[in-house]
Amino acid sequence: MTPEHETHEHETPQHETPQYETPQYRAAHLRRALAEDPRTAEMGVRVNVRGDDDVHLSGEVTCEERRTELETVLHEVAPGVRVHNDVRVADTREPARREDLR
């Protein structure tokens, strides 16, 4: 094994999915993956894990493409999970009429 491919006892190789003691640890890992991936750099997405395989997403993103990419990234990081995507796309259009403030 070459030095760049060696792993130490405490490290998890990138191609393996780490085992988690609690759903909270798994949710934190998935939340971090979404925040760090340039396709989904979203901090306003909530991640909840129920059981071993159910991941529930909620919150708001800026476009439909970003909403779809959330699932793509999760499936890359944690193959086999079932993603329930309740993330909404924010309405960023200009108001149709002028708002009067009183």
PDB file of N, CA and C in Angstrom:
ATOM      1  N   MET A   1       0.854  -1.179   0.000  1.00  0.00           N
ATOM      2  CA  MET A   1       0.000   0.000   0.000  1.00  0.00           C
ATOM      3  C   MET A   1       0.896   1.237   0.000  1.00  0.00           C
ATOM      4  N   THR A   2       0.614   2.195  -0.864  1.00  0.00           N
ATOM      5  CA  THR A   2       1.421   3.400  -0.925  1.00  0.00           C
ATOM      6  C   THR A   2       1.034   4.321   0.218  1.00  0.00           C
ATOM      7  N   PRO A   3       1.952   5.211   0.624  1.00  0.00           N
ATOM      8  CA  PRO A   3       1.668   6.089   1.769  1.00  0.00           C
ATOM      9  C   PRO A   3       0.399   6.907   1.611  1.00  0.00           C
ATOM     10  N   GLU A   4       0.082   7.381   0.389  1.00  0.00           N
ATOM     11  CA  GLU A   4      -1.124   8.198   0.238  1.00  0.00           C
ATOM     12  C   GLU A   4      -2.401   7.386   0.343  1.00  0.00           C
ATOM     13  N   HIS A   5      -2.316   6.057   0.281  1.00  0.00           N
ATOM     14  CA  HIS A   5      -3.492   5.212   0.409  1.00  0.00           C
ATOM     15  C   HIS A   5      -3.599   4.539   1.770  1.00  0.00           C
ATOM     16  N   GLU A   6      -2.623   4.772   2.629  1.00  0.00           N
ATOM     17  CA  GLU A   6      -2.675   4.170   3.952  1.00  0.00           C
ATOM     18  C   GLU A   6      -3.744   4.857   4.787  1.00  0.00           C
ATOM     19  N   THR A   7      -4.380   4.099   5.637  1.00  0.00           N
ATOM     20  CA  THR A   7      -5.313   4.683   6.591  1.00  0.00           C
ATOM     21  C   THR A   7      -4.861   4.286   7.977  1.00  0.00           C
ATOM     22  N   HIS A   8      -5.091   5.157   8.890  1.00  0.00           N
ATOM     23  CA  HIS A   8      -4.742   4.883  10.271  1.00  0.00           C
ATOM     24  C   HIS A   8      -5.942   4.264  10.968  1.00  0.00           C
ATOM     25  N   GLU A   9      -5.693   3.650  12.075  1.00  0.00           N
ATOM     26  CA  GLU A   9      -6.734   2.921  12.792  1.00  0.00           C
ATOM     27  C   GLU A   9      -7.962   3.776  13.087  1.00  0.00           C
ATOM     28  N   HIS A  10      -7.768   5.059  13.401  1.00  0.00           N
ATOM     29  CA  HIS A  10      -8.880   5.925  13.787  1.00  0.00           C
ATOM     30  C   HIS A  10      -9.562   6.591  12.600  1.00  0.00           C
ATOM     31  N   GLU A  11      -9.027   6.445  11.392  1.00  0.00           N
ATOM     32  CA  GLU A  11      -9.602   7.085  10.222  1.00  0.00           C
ATOM     33  C   GLU A  11     -10.512   6.121   9.473  1.00  0.00           C
ATOM     34  N   THR A  12     -11.528   6.692   8.838  1.00  0.00           N
ATOM     35  CA  THR A  12     -12.413   5.905   7.986  1.00  0.00           C
ATOM     36  C   THR A  12     -12.073   6.239   6.549  1.00  0.00           C
ATOM     37  N   PRO A  13     -11.755   5.254   5.712  1.00  0.00           N
ATOM     38  CA  PRO A  13     -11.490   5.560   4.304  1.00  0.00           C
ATOM     39  C   PRO A  13     -12.698   6.257   3.690  1.00  0.00           C
ATOM     40  N   GLN A  14     -12.448   7.175   2.750  1.00  0.00           N
ATOM     41  CA  GLN A  14     -13.528   7.971   2.176  1.00  0.00           C
ATOM     42  C   GLN A  14     -14.577   7.127   1.473  1.00  0.00           C
ATOM     43  N   HIS A  15     -14.224   5.972   0.948  1.00  0.00           N
ATOM     44  CA  HIS A  15     -15.195   5.175   0.215  1.00  0.00           C
ATOM     45  C   HIS A  15     -16.067   4.314   1.120  1.00  0.00           C
ATOM     46  N   GLU A  16     -15.775   4.285   2.403  1.00  0.00           N
ATOM     47  CA  GLU A  16     -16.584   3.502   3.333  1.00  0.00           C
ATOM     48  C   GLU A  16     -17.504   4.418   4.122  1.00  0.00           C
ATOM     49  N   THR A  17     -18.703   3.956   4.402  1.00  0.00           N
ATOM     50  CA  THR A  17     -19.634   4.712   5.222  1.00  0.00           C
ATOM     51  C   THR A  17     -19.344   4.400   6.681  1.00  0.00           C
ATOM     52  N   PRO A  18     -19.057   5.428   7.490  1.00  0.00           N
ATOM     53  CA  PRO A  18     -18.767   5.162   8.895  1.00  0.00           C
ATOM     54  C   PRO A  18     -20.002   4.657   9.636  1.00  0.00           C
ATOM     55  N   GLN A  19     -19.784   3.890  10.672  1.00  0.00           N
ATOM     56  CA  GLN A  19     -20.876   3.409  11.515  1.00  0.00           C
ATOM     57  C   GLN A  19     -21.093   4.431  12.633  1.00  0.00           C
ATOM     58  N   TYR A  20     -22.335   4.690  12.982  1.00  0.00           N
ATOM     59  CA  TYR A  20     -22.662   5.705  13.972  1.00  0.00           C
ATOM     60  C   TYR A  20     -23.329   5.070  15.172  1.00  0.00           C
ATOM     61  N   GLU A  21     -23.026   5.630  16.333  1.00  0.00           N
ATOM     62  CA  GLU A  21     -23.634   5.139  17.562  1.00  0.00           C
ATOM     63  C   GLU A  21     -25.077   5.597  17.684  1.00  0.00           C
ATOM     64  N   THR A  22     -25.367   6.808  17.248  1.00  0.00           N
ATOM     65  CA  THR A  22     -26.716   7.358  17.388  1.00  0.00           C
ATOM     66  C   THR A  22     -27.143   8.049  16.094  1.00  0.00           C
ATOM     67  N   PRO A  23     -28.450   8.205  15.893  1.00  0.00           N
ATOM     68  CA  PRO A  23     -28.928   8.952  14.726  1.00  0.00           C
ATOM     69  C   PRO A  23     -28.424  10.400  14.713  1.00  0.00           C
ATOM     70  N   GLN A  24     -28.184  10.981  15.899  1.00  0.00           N
ATOM     71  CA  GLN A  24     -27.700  12.362  15.959  1.00  0.00           C
ATOM     72  C   GLN A  24     -26.325  12.502  15.319  1.00  0.00           C
ATOM     73  N   TYR A  25     -25.441  11.519  15.540  1.00  0.00           N
ATOM     74  CA  TYR A  25     -24.113  11.560  14.925  1.00  0.00           C
ATOM     75  C   TYR A  25     -24.219  11.416  13.408  1.00  0.00           C
ATOM     76  N   ARG A  26     -25.086  10.531  12.970  1.00  0.00           N
ATOM     77  CA  ARG A  26     -25.264  10.344  11.529  1.00  0.00           C
ATOM     78  C   ARG A  26     -25.841  11.611  10.905  1.00  0.00           C
ATOM     79  N   ALA A  27     -26.811  12.224  11.561  1.00  0.00           N
ATOM     80  CA  ALA A  27     -27.397  13.468  11.052  1.00  0.00           C
ATOM     81  C   ALA A  27     -26.339  14.561  10.958  1.00  0.00           C
ATOM     82  N   ALA A  28     -25.475  14.666  11.960  1.00  0.00           N
ATOM     83  CA  ALA A  28     -24.408  15.672  11.942  1.00  0.00           C
ATOM     84  C   ALA A  28     -23.459  15.429  10.774  1.00  0.00           C
ATOM     85  N   HIS A  29     -23.118  14.171  10.533  1.00  0.00           N
ATOM     86  CA  HIS A  29     -22.239  13.823   9.412  1.00  0.00           C
ATOM     87  C   HIS A  29     -22.889  14.211   8.080  1.00  0.00           C
ATOM     88  N   LEU A  30     -24.161  13.913   7.910  1.00  0.00           N
ATOM     89  CA  LEU A  30     -24.864  14.232   6.670  1.00  0.00           C
ATOM     90  C   LEU A  30     -25.037  15.739   6.508  1.00  0.00           C
ATOM     91  N   ARG A  31     -25.338  16.434   7.595  1.00  0.00           N
ATOM     92  CA  ARG A  31     -25.482  17.894   7.562  1.00  0.00           C
ATOM     93  C   ARG A  31     -24.168  18.538   7.119  1.00  0.00           C
ATOM     94  N   ARG A  32     -23.056  18.043   7.668  1.00  0.00           N
ATOM     95  CA  ARG A  32     -21.736  18.566   7.304  1.00  0.00           C
ATOM     96  C   ARG A  32     -21.447  18.298   5.820  1.00  0.00           C
ATOM     97  N   ALA A  33     -21.801  17.113   5.334  1.00  0.00           N
ATOM     98  CA  ALA A  33     -21.581  16.790   3.919  1.00  0.00           C
ATOM     99  C   ALA A  33     -22.348  17.756   3.016  1.00  0.00           C
ATOM    100  N   LEU A  34     -23.582  18.078   3.375  1.00  0.00           N
ATOM    101  CA  LEU A  34     -24.377  19.014   2.576  1.00  0.00           C
ATOM    102  C   LEU A  34     -23.791  20.418   2.619  1.00  0.00           C
ATOM    103  N   ALA A  35     -23.302  20.834   3.772  1.00  0.00           N
ATOM    104  CA  ALA A  35     -22.752  22.178   3.924  1.00  0.00           C
ATOM    105  C   ALA A  35     -21.423  22.331   3.190  1.00  0.00           C
ATOM    106  N   GLU A  36     -20.636  21.256   3.117  1.00  0.00           N
ATOM    107  CA  GLU A  36     -19.303  21.341   2.525  1.00  0.00           C
ATOM    108  C   GLU A  36     -19.279  21.066   1.025  1.00  0.00           C
ATOM    109  N   ASP A  37     -20.291  20.425   0.487  1.00  0.00           N
ATOM    110  CA  ASP A  37     -20.305  20.120  -0.944  1.00  0.00           C
ATOM    111  C   ASP A  37     -20.710  21.379  -1.713  1.00  0.00           C
ATOM    112  N   PRO A  38     -19.934  21.784  -2.728  1.00  0.00           N
ATOM    113  CA  PRO A  38     -20.260  23.014  -3.459  1.00  0.00           C
ATOM    114  C   PRO A  38     -21.609  22.969  -4.180  1.00  0.00           C
ATOM    115  N   ARG A  39     -22.115  21.784  -4.470  1.00  0.00           N
ATOM    116  CA  ARG A  39     -23.424  21.677  -5.129  1.00  0.00           C
ATOM    117  C   ARG A  39     -24.564  22.000  -4.178  1.00  0.00           C
ATOM    118  N   THR A  40     -24.322  21.844  -2.882  1.00  0.00           N
ATOM    119  CA  THR A  40     -25.409  21.978  -1.905  1.00  0.00           C
ATOM    120  C   THR A  40     -25.019  22.835  -0.716  1.00  0.00           C
ATOM    121  N   ALA A  41     -24.111  23.746  -0.890  1.00  0.00           N
ATOM    122  CA  ALA A  41     -23.616  24.534   0.238  1.00  0.00           C
ATOM    123  C   ALA A  41     -24.764  25.302   0.894  1.00  0.00           C
ATOM    124  N   GLU A  42     -25.579  24.577   1.627  1.00  0.00           N
ATOM    125  CA  GLU A  42     -26.773  25.139   2.271  1.00  0.00           C
ATOM    126  C   GLU A  42     -26.674  24.958   3.776  1.00  0.00           C
ATOM    127  N   MET A  43     -26.821  26.023   4.500  1.00  0.00           N
ATOM    128  CA  MET A  43     -26.809  25.935   5.958  1.00  0.00           C
ATOM    129  C   MET A  43     -28.231  25.917   6.518  1.00  0.00           C
ATOM    130  N   GLY A  44     -29.229  26.230   5.703  1.00  0.00           N
ATOM    131  CA  GLY A  44     -30.601  26.303   6.186  1.00  0.00           C
ATOM    132  C   GLY A  44     -31.401  25.027   6.018  1.00  0.00           C
ATOM    133  N   VAL A  45     -30.717  23.917   5.783  1.00  0.00           N
ATOM    134  CA  VAL A  45     -31.408  22.642   5.613  1.00  0.00           C
ATOM    135  C   VAL A  45     -31.257  21.830   6.887  1.00  0.00           C
ATOM    136  N   ARG A  46     -32.382  21.374   7.411  1.00  0.00           N
ATOM    137  CA  ARG A  46     -32.355  20.536   8.614  1.00  0.00           C
ATOM    138  C   ARG A  46     -32.340  19.072   8.204  1.00  0.00           C
ATOM    139  N   VAL A  47     -31.540  18.288   8.907  1.00  0.00           N
ATOM    140  CA  VAL A  47     -31.403  16.856   8.627  1.00  0.00           C
ATOM    141  C   VAL A  47     -31.784  16.089   9.879  1.00  0.00           C
ATOM    142  N   ASN A  48     -32.753  15.209   9.760  1.00  0.00           N
ATOM    143  CA  ASN A  48     -33.140  14.327  10.864  1.00  0.00           C
ATOM    144  C   ASN A  48     -33.020  12.891  10.386  1.00  0.00           C
ATOM    145  N   VAL A  49     -32.475  12.039  11.237  1.00  0.00           N
ATOM    146  CA  VAL A  49     -32.336  10.625  10.911  1.00  0.00           C
ATOM    147  C   VAL A  49     -33.250   9.842  11.831  1.00  0.00           C
ATOM    148  N   ARG A  50     -34.040   8.972  11.237  1.00  0.00           N
ATOM    149  CA  ARG A  50     -34.936   8.102  12.013  1.00  0.00           C
ATOM    150  C   ARG A  50     -34.581   6.667  11.671  1.00  0.00           C
ATOM    151  N   GLY A  51     -34.241   5.898  12.679  1.00  0.00           N
ATOM    152  CA  GLY A  51     -33.800   4.528  12.430  1.00  0.00           C
ATOM    153  C   GLY A  51     -32.441   4.539  11.761  1.00  0.00           C
ATOM    154  N   ASP A  52     -32.166   3.518  10.984  1.00  0.00           N
ATOM    155  CA  ASP A  52     -30.877   3.422  10.312  1.00  0.00           C
ATOM    156  C   ASP A  52     -30.873   4.023   8.915  1.00  0.00           C
ATOM    157  N   ASP A  53     -32.026   4.015   8.246  1.00  0.00           N
ATOM    158  CA  ASP A  53     -32.033   4.337   6.824  1.00  0.00           C
ATOM    159  C   ASP A  53     -32.899   5.514   6.412  1.00  0.00           C
ATOM    160  N   ASP A  54     -33.693   6.084   7.304  1.00  0.00           N
ATOM    161  CA  ASP A  54     -34.603   7.165   6.935  1.00  0.00           C
ATOM    162  C   ASP A  54     -33.991   8.522   7.264  1.00  0.00           C
ATOM    163  N   VAL A  55     -33.786   9.332   6.218  1.00  0.00           N
ATOM    164  CA  VAL A  55     -33.252  10.683   6.379  1.00  0.00           C
ATOM    165  C   VAL A  55     -34.336  11.654   5.933  1.00  0.00           C
ATOM    166  N   HIS A  56     -34.696  12.576   6.815  1.00  0.00           N
ATOM    167  CA  HIS A  56     -35.727  13.570   6.528  1.00  0.00           C
ATOM    168  C   HIS A  56     -35.070  14.941   6.404  1.00  0.00           C
ATOM    169  N   LEU A  57     -35.316  15.601   5.276  1.00  0.00           N
ATOM    170  CA  LEU A  57     -34.786  16.936   5.028  1.00  0.00           C
ATOM    171  C   LEU A  57     -35.924  17.945   5.097  1.00  0.00           C
ATOM    172  N   SER A  58     -35.648  19.089   5.704  1.00  0.00           N
ATOM    173  CA  SER A  58     -36.618  20.178   5.723  1.00  0.00           C
ATOM    174  C   SER A  58     -35.857  21.490   5.684  1.00  0.00           C
ATOM    175  N   GLY A  59     -36.560  22.547   5.359  1.00  0.00           N
ATOM    176  CA  GLY A  59     -35.937  23.858   5.269  1.00  0.00           C
ATOM    177  C   GLY A  59     -36.247  24.497   3.934  1.00  0.00           C
ATOM    178  N   GLU A  60     -35.361  25.395   3.503  1.00  0.00           N
ATOM    179  CA  GLU A  60     -35.597  26.163   2.289  1.00  0.00           C
ATOM    180  C   GLU A  60     -34.290  26.351   1.530  1.00  0.00           C
ATOM    181  N   VAL A  61     -34.357  26.236   0.200  1.00  0.00           N
ATOM    182  CA  VAL A  61     -33.204  26.468  -0.668  1.00  0.00           C
ATOM    183  C   VAL A  61     -33.585  27.478  -1.737  1.00  0.00           C
ATOM    184  N   THR A  62     -32.598  27.907  -2.519  1.00  0.00           N
ATOM    185  CA  THR A  62     -32.821  28.986  -3.476  1.00  0.00           C
ATOM    186  C   THR A  62     -33.364  28.544  -4.826  1.00  0.00           C
ATOM    187  N   CYS A  63     -33.200  27.251  -5.182  1.00  0.00           N
ATOM    188  CA  CYS A  63     -33.684  26.810  -6.496  1.00  0.00           C
ATOM    189  C   CYS A  63     -33.965  25.309  -6.491  1.00  0.00           C
ATOM    190  N   GLU A  64     -34.740  24.856  -7.477  1.00  0.00           N
ATOM    191  CA  GLU A  64     -35.111  23.447  -7.586  1.00  0.00           C
ATOM    192  C   GLU A  64     -33.887  22.563  -7.809  1.00  0.00           C
ATOM    193  N   GLU A  65     -32.920  23.047  -8.575  1.00  0.00           N
ATOM    194  CA  GLU A  65     -31.707  22.262  -8.821  1.00  0.00           C
ATOM    195  C   GLU A  65     -30.984  21.949  -7.507  1.00  0.00           C
ATOM    196  N   ARG A  66     -30.890  22.937  -6.646  1.00  0.00           N
ATOM    197  CA  ARG A  66     -30.226  22.730  -5.356  1.00  0.00           C
ATOM    198  C   ARG A  66     -31.005  21.724  -4.515  1.00  0.00           C
ATOM    199  N   ARG A  67     -32.321  21.789  -4.561  1.00  0.00           N
ATOM    200  CA  ARG A  67     -33.167  20.839  -3.819  1.00  0.00           C
ATOM    201  C   ARG A  67     -32.889  19.409  -4.280  1.00  0.00           C
ATOM    202  N   THR A  68     -32.795  19.204  -5.586  1.00  0.00           N
ATOM    203  CA  THR A  68     -32.516  17.882  -6.145  1.00  0.00           C
ATOM    204  C   THR A  68     -31.113  17.412  -5.781  1.00  0.00           C
ATOM    205  N   GLU A  69     -30.151  18.315  -5.818  1.00  0.00           N
ATOM    206  CA  GLU A  69     -28.760  17.962  -5.503  1.00  0.00           C
ATOM    207  C   GLU A  69     -28.600  17.509  -4.055  1.00  0.00           C
ATOM    208  N   LEU A  70     -29.468  17.969  -3.159  1.00  0.00           N
ATOM    209  CA  LEU A  70     -29.400  17.512  -1.768  1.00  0.00           C
ATOM    210  C   LEU A  70     -29.489  15.990  -1.706  1.00  0.00           C
ATOM    211  N   GLU A  71     -30.436  15.432  -2.432  1.00  0.00           N
ATOM    212  CA  GLU A  71     -30.605  13.973  -2.444  1.00  0.00           C
ATOM    213  C   GLU A  71     -29.415  13.282  -3.093  1.00  0.00           C
ATOM    214  N   THR A  72     -28.898  13.861  -4.168  1.00  0.00           N
ATOM    215  CA  THR A  72     -27.743  13.274  -4.854  1.00  0.00           C
ATOM    216  C   THR A  72     -26.556  13.164  -3.912  1.00  0.00           C
ATOM    217  N   VAL A  73     -26.260  14.244  -3.206  1.00  0.00           N
ATOM    218  CA  VAL A  73     -25.120  14.243  -2.284  1.00  0.00           C
ATOM    219  C   VAL A  73     -25.335  13.232  -1.166  1.00  0.00           C
ATOM    220  N   LEU A  74     -26.531  13.182  -0.612  1.00  0.00           N
ATOM    221  CA  LEU A  74     -26.790  12.226   0.470  1.00  0.00           C
ATOM    222  C   LEU A  74     -26.611  10.791   0.002  1.00  0.00           C
ATOM    223  N   HIS A  75     -27.055  10.485  -1.204  1.00  0.00           N
ATOM    224  CA  HIS A  75     -26.904   9.116  -1.716  1.00  0.00           C
ATOM    225  C   HIS A  75     -25.441   8.778  -1.996  1.00  0.00           C
ATOM    226  N   GLU A  76     -24.625   9.788  -2.332  1.00  0.00           N
ATOM    227  CA  GLU A  76     -23.195   9.556  -2.525  1.00  0.00           C
ATOM    228  C   GLU A  76     -22.502   9.302  -1.191  1.00  0.00           C
ATOM    229  N   VAL A  77     -22.878  10.061  -0.173  1.00  0.00           N
ATOM    230  CA  VAL A  77     -22.239   9.966   1.142  1.00  0.00           C
ATOM    231  C   VAL A  77     -22.749   8.761   1.925  1.00  0.00           C
ATOM    232  N   ALA A  78     -24.031   8.449   1.774  1.00  0.00           N
ATOM    233  CA  ALA A  78     -24.643   7.359   2.542  1.00  0.00           C
ATOM    234  C   ALA A  78     -25.524   6.518   1.617  1.00  0.00           C
ATOM    235  N   PRO A  79     -24.908   5.678   0.793  1.00  0.00           N
ATOM    236  CA  PRO A  79     -25.698   4.845  -0.125  1.00  0.00           C
ATOM    237  C   PRO A  79     -26.707   3.991   0.642  1.00  0.00           C
ATOM    238  N   GLY A  80     -27.885   3.863   0.075  1.00  0.00           N
ATOM    239  CA  GLY A  80     -28.896   3.007   0.690  1.00  0.00           C
ATOM    240  C   GLY A  80     -29.874   3.717   1.602  1.00  0.00           C
ATOM    241  N   VAL A  81     -29.637   4.998   1.911  1.00  0.00           N
ATOM    242  CA  VAL A  81     -30.597   5.696   2.767  1.00  0.00           C
ATOM    243  C   VAL A  81     -31.833   6.061   1.954  1.00  0.00           C
ATOM    244  N   ARG A  82     -32.964   6.154   2.639  1.00  0.00           N
ATOM    245  CA  ARG A  82     -34.205   6.645   2.033  1.00  0.00           C
ATOM    246  C   ARG A  82     -34.323   8.116   2.414  1.00  0.00           C
ATOM    247  N   VAL A  83     -34.384   8.967   1.413  1.00  0.00           N
ATOM    248  CA  VAL A  83     -34.446  10.407   1.655  1.00  0.00           C
ATOM    249  C   VAL A  83     -35.878  10.884   1.480  1.00  0.00           C
ATOM    250  N   HIS A  84     -36.390  11.552   2.500  1.00  0.00           N
ATOM    251  CA  HIS A  84     -37.707  12.193   2.462  1.00  0.00           C
ATOM    252  C   HIS A  84     -37.421  13.695   2.374  1.00  0.00           C
ATOM    253  N   ASN A  85     -37.564  14.247   1.184  1.00  0.00           N
ATOM    254  CA  ASN A  85     -37.153  15.620   0.926  1.00  0.00           C
ATOM    255  C   ASN A  85     -38.349  16.563   1.011  1.00  0.00           C
ATOM    256  N   ASP A  86     -38.485  17.232   2.152  1.00  0.00           N
ATOM    257  CA  ASP A  86     -39.547  18.217   2.359  1.00  0.00           C
ATOM    258  C   ASP A  86     -39.013  19.644   2.258  1.00  0.00           C
ATOM    259  N   VAL A  87     -37.879  19.813   1.595  1.00  0.00           N
ATOM    260  CA  VAL A  87     -37.265  21.133   1.434  1.00  0.00           C
ATOM    261  C   VAL A  87     -38.078  21.931   0.419  1.00  0.00           C
ATOM    262  N   ARG A  88     -38.326  23.190   0.753  1.00  0.00           N
ATOM    263  CA  ARG A  88     -39.080  24.083  -0.134  1.00  0.00           C
ATOM    264  C   ARG A  88     -38.112  24.969  -0.910  1.00  0.00           C
ATOM    265  N   VAL A  89     -38.548  25.404  -2.081  1.00  0.00           N
ATOM    266  CA  VAL A  89     -37.777  26.351  -2.879  1.00  0.00           C
ATOM    267  C   VAL A  89     -38.305  27.745  -2.567  1.00  0.00           C
ATOM    268  N   ALA A  90     -37.409  28.642  -2.185  1.00  0.00           N
ATOM    269  CA  ALA A  90     -37.795  30.008  -1.828  1.00  0.00           C
ATOM    270  C   ALA A  90     -38.284  30.757  -3.062  1.00  0.00           C
ATOM    271  N   ASP A  91     -39.300  31.570  -2.873  1.00  0.00           N
ATOM    272  CA  ASP A  91     -39.817  32.413  -3.946  1.00  0.00           C
ATOM    273  C   ASP A  91     -38.980  33.683  -3.968  1.00  0.00           C
ATOM    274  N   THR A  92     -38.150  33.825  -4.994  1.00  0.00           N
ATOM    275  CA  THR A  92     -37.253  34.983  -5.069  1.00  0.00           C
ATOM    276  C   THR A  92     -37.693  35.986  -6.131  1.00  0.00           C
ATOM    277  N   ARG A  93     -38.928  35.835  -6.621  1.00  0.00           N
ATOM    278  CA  ARG A  93     -39.428  36.767  -7.632  1.00  0.00           C
ATOM    279  C   ARG A  93     -39.732  38.122  -7.001  1.00  0.00           C
ATOM    280  N   GLU A  94     -39.710  39.136  -7.849  1.00  0.00           N
ATOM    281  CA  GLU A  94     -40.101  40.477  -7.426  1.00  0.00           C
ATOM    282  C   GLU A  94     -41.589  40.465  -7.093  1.00  0.00           C
ATOM    283  N   PRO A  95     -42.023  41.257  -6.127  1.00  0.00           N
ATOM    284  CA  PRO A  95     -43.460  41.332  -5.842  1.00  0.00           C
ATOM    285  C   PRO A  95     -44.223  41.817  -7.081  1.00  0.00           C
ATOM    286  N   ALA A  96     -45.416  41.298  -7.271  1.00  0.00           N
ATOM    287  CA  ALA A  96     -46.223  41.653  -8.439  1.00  0.00           C
ATOM    288  C   ALA A  96     -46.693  43.103  -8.384  1.00  0.00           C
ATOM    289  N   ARG A  97     -46.877  43.614  -7.178  1.00  0.00           N
ATOM    290  CA  ARG A  97     -47.308  45.010  -7.051  1.00  0.00           C
ATOM    291  C   ARG A  97     -46.561  45.657  -5.901  1.00  0.00           C
ATOM    292  N   ARG A  98     -46.622  46.949  -5.873  1.00  0.00           N
ATOM    293  CA  ARG A  98     -45.934  47.717  -4.855  1.00  0.00           C
ATOM    294  C   ARG A  98     -46.633  47.553  -3.515  1.00  0.00           C
ATOM    295  N   GLU A  99     -45.840  47.395  -2.480  1.00  0.00           N
ATOM    296  CA  GLU A  99     -46.401  47.254  -1.140  1.00  0.00           C
ATOM    297  C   GLU A  99     -46.409  48.615  -0.461  1.00  0.00           C
ATOM    298  N   ASP A 100     -47.557  49.004   0.074  1.00  0.00           N
ATOM    299  CA  ASP A 100     -47.667  50.278   0.789  1.00  0.00           C
ATOM    300  C   ASP A 100     -47.427  50.045   2.268  1.00  0.00           C
ATOM    301  N   LEU A 101     -46.439  50.725   2.801  1.00  0.00           N
ATOM    302  CA  LEU A 101     -46.141  50.631   4.229  1.00  0.00           C
ATOM    303  C   LEU A 101     -46.742  51.834   4.924  1.00  0.00           C
ATOM    304  N   ARG A 102     -47.441  51.604   6.012  1.00  0.00           N
ATOM    305  CA  ARG A 102     -48.086  52.714   6.743  1.00  0.00           C
ATOM    306  C   ARG A 102     -47.569  52.786   8.136  1.00  0.00           C
TER     307      ARG A 102
END
